[in-house]
Amino acid sequence: MAALGKTLILLGIVIILIGLGLIFANKIPWLGRLPGDIYVKKENVTFYFPLATCILVSAVLSLIFWLFRK
């Protein structure tokens, strides 16, 4: 039962961090506009896929989780 409590606390902290990230995402102007992000605009269709941003966020999160694991 104690493991469930710790898991719920950790999950709550992760949800809070995601919420804070979403709130302050507008304050980082270059995030989502990196070279390598795919943006195609046609007459009435717009396609956007932040490839470079996804790779950067993945690398940063991997580093953070690796540091906490040690």
Protein backbone atom coordinates (compact mmCIF):
# COMPACT_ATOMS: atom_id res chain seq x y z
CA MET A 1 0.00 0.00 0.00
CA ALA A 2 2.91 2.34 0.66
CA ALA A 3 4.17 1.87 -2.90
CA LEU A 4 0.79 2.96 -4.23
CA GLY A 5 0.93 6.12 -2.13
CA LYS A 6 4.42 6.98 -3.38
CA THR A 7 3.35 6.33 -6.95
CA LEU A 8 0.34 8.63 -6.60
CA ILE A 9 2.49 11.39 -5.08
CA LEU A 10 5.01 11.07 -7.90
CA LEU A 11 2.23 11.10 -10.49
CA GLY A 12 0.80 14.25 -8.90
CA ILE A 13 4.18 15.97 -9.03
CA VAL A 14 4.57 15.03 -12.70
CA ILE A 15 1.10 16.42 -13.50
CA ILE A 16 1.94 19.67 -11.69
CA LEU A 17 5.21 19.99 -13.64
CA ILE A 18 3.40 19.39 -16.93
CA GLY A 19 0.84 22.04 -15.99
CA LEU A 20 3.55 24.55 -15.13
CA GLY A 21 5.29 23.74 -18.40
CA LEU A 22 2.10 24.45 -20.32
CA ILE A 23 1.59 27.74 -18.48
CA PHE A 24 5.12 28.99 -19.12
CA ALA A 25 5.51 27.56 -22.65
CA ASN A 26 4.52 30.93 -24.12
CA LYS A 27 7.48 32.55 -22.34
CA ILE A 28 9.98 30.50 -24.38
CA PRO A 29 9.68 32.08 -27.84
CA TRP A 30 12.07 29.73 -29.68
CA LEU A 31 10.37 26.54 -28.47
CA GLY A 32 8.33 25.22 -31.38
CA ARG A 33 10.15 27.34 -33.95
CA LEU A 34 13.45 25.53 -34.16
CA PRO A 35 15.24 24.78 -37.41
CA GLY A 36 14.10 21.29 -38.31
CA ASP A 37 10.47 21.81 -37.35
CA ILE A 38 8.28 20.93 -40.32
CA TYR A 39 5.83 23.64 -41.38
CA VAL A 40 3.89 23.42 -44.65
CA LYS A 41 1.25 25.99 -45.57
CA LYS A 42 -0.86 25.55 -48.69
CA GLU A 43 -3.99 27.38 -49.83
CA ASN A 44 -6.40 26.01 -47.24
CA VAL A 45 -4.27 23.43 -45.41
CA THR A 46 -1.58 24.01 -42.79
CA PHE A 47 0.59 21.17 -41.49
CA TYR A 48 2.97 21.66 -38.57
CA PHE A 49 5.13 19.01 -36.94
CA PRO A 50 7.74 20.20 -34.40
CA LEU A 51 10.32 17.48 -35.12
CA ALA A 52 13.37 19.31 -33.74
CA THR A 53 11.42 20.50 -30.69
CA CYS A 54 10.28 16.93 -29.95
CA ILE A 55 13.87 15.67 -30.17
CA LEU A 56 15.11 18.47 -27.89
CA VAL A 57 12.39 17.90 -25.27
CA SER A 58 13.02 14.14 -25.39
CA ALA A 59 16.76 14.62 -24.85
CA VAL A 60 16.22 17.00 -21.92
CA LEU A 61 13.67 14.70 -20.27
CA SER A 62 15.94 11.68 -20.80
CA LEU A 63 18.81 13.55 -19.13
CA ILE A 64 16.61 14.56 -16.18
CA PHE A 65 15.31 11.03 -15.67
CA TRP A 66 18.84 9.62 -15.99
CA LEU A 67 20.08 12.05 -13.31
CA PHE A 68 17.25 11.12 -10.93
CA ARG A 69 17.86 7.44 -11.50
CA LYS A 70 21.45 7.68 -10.29
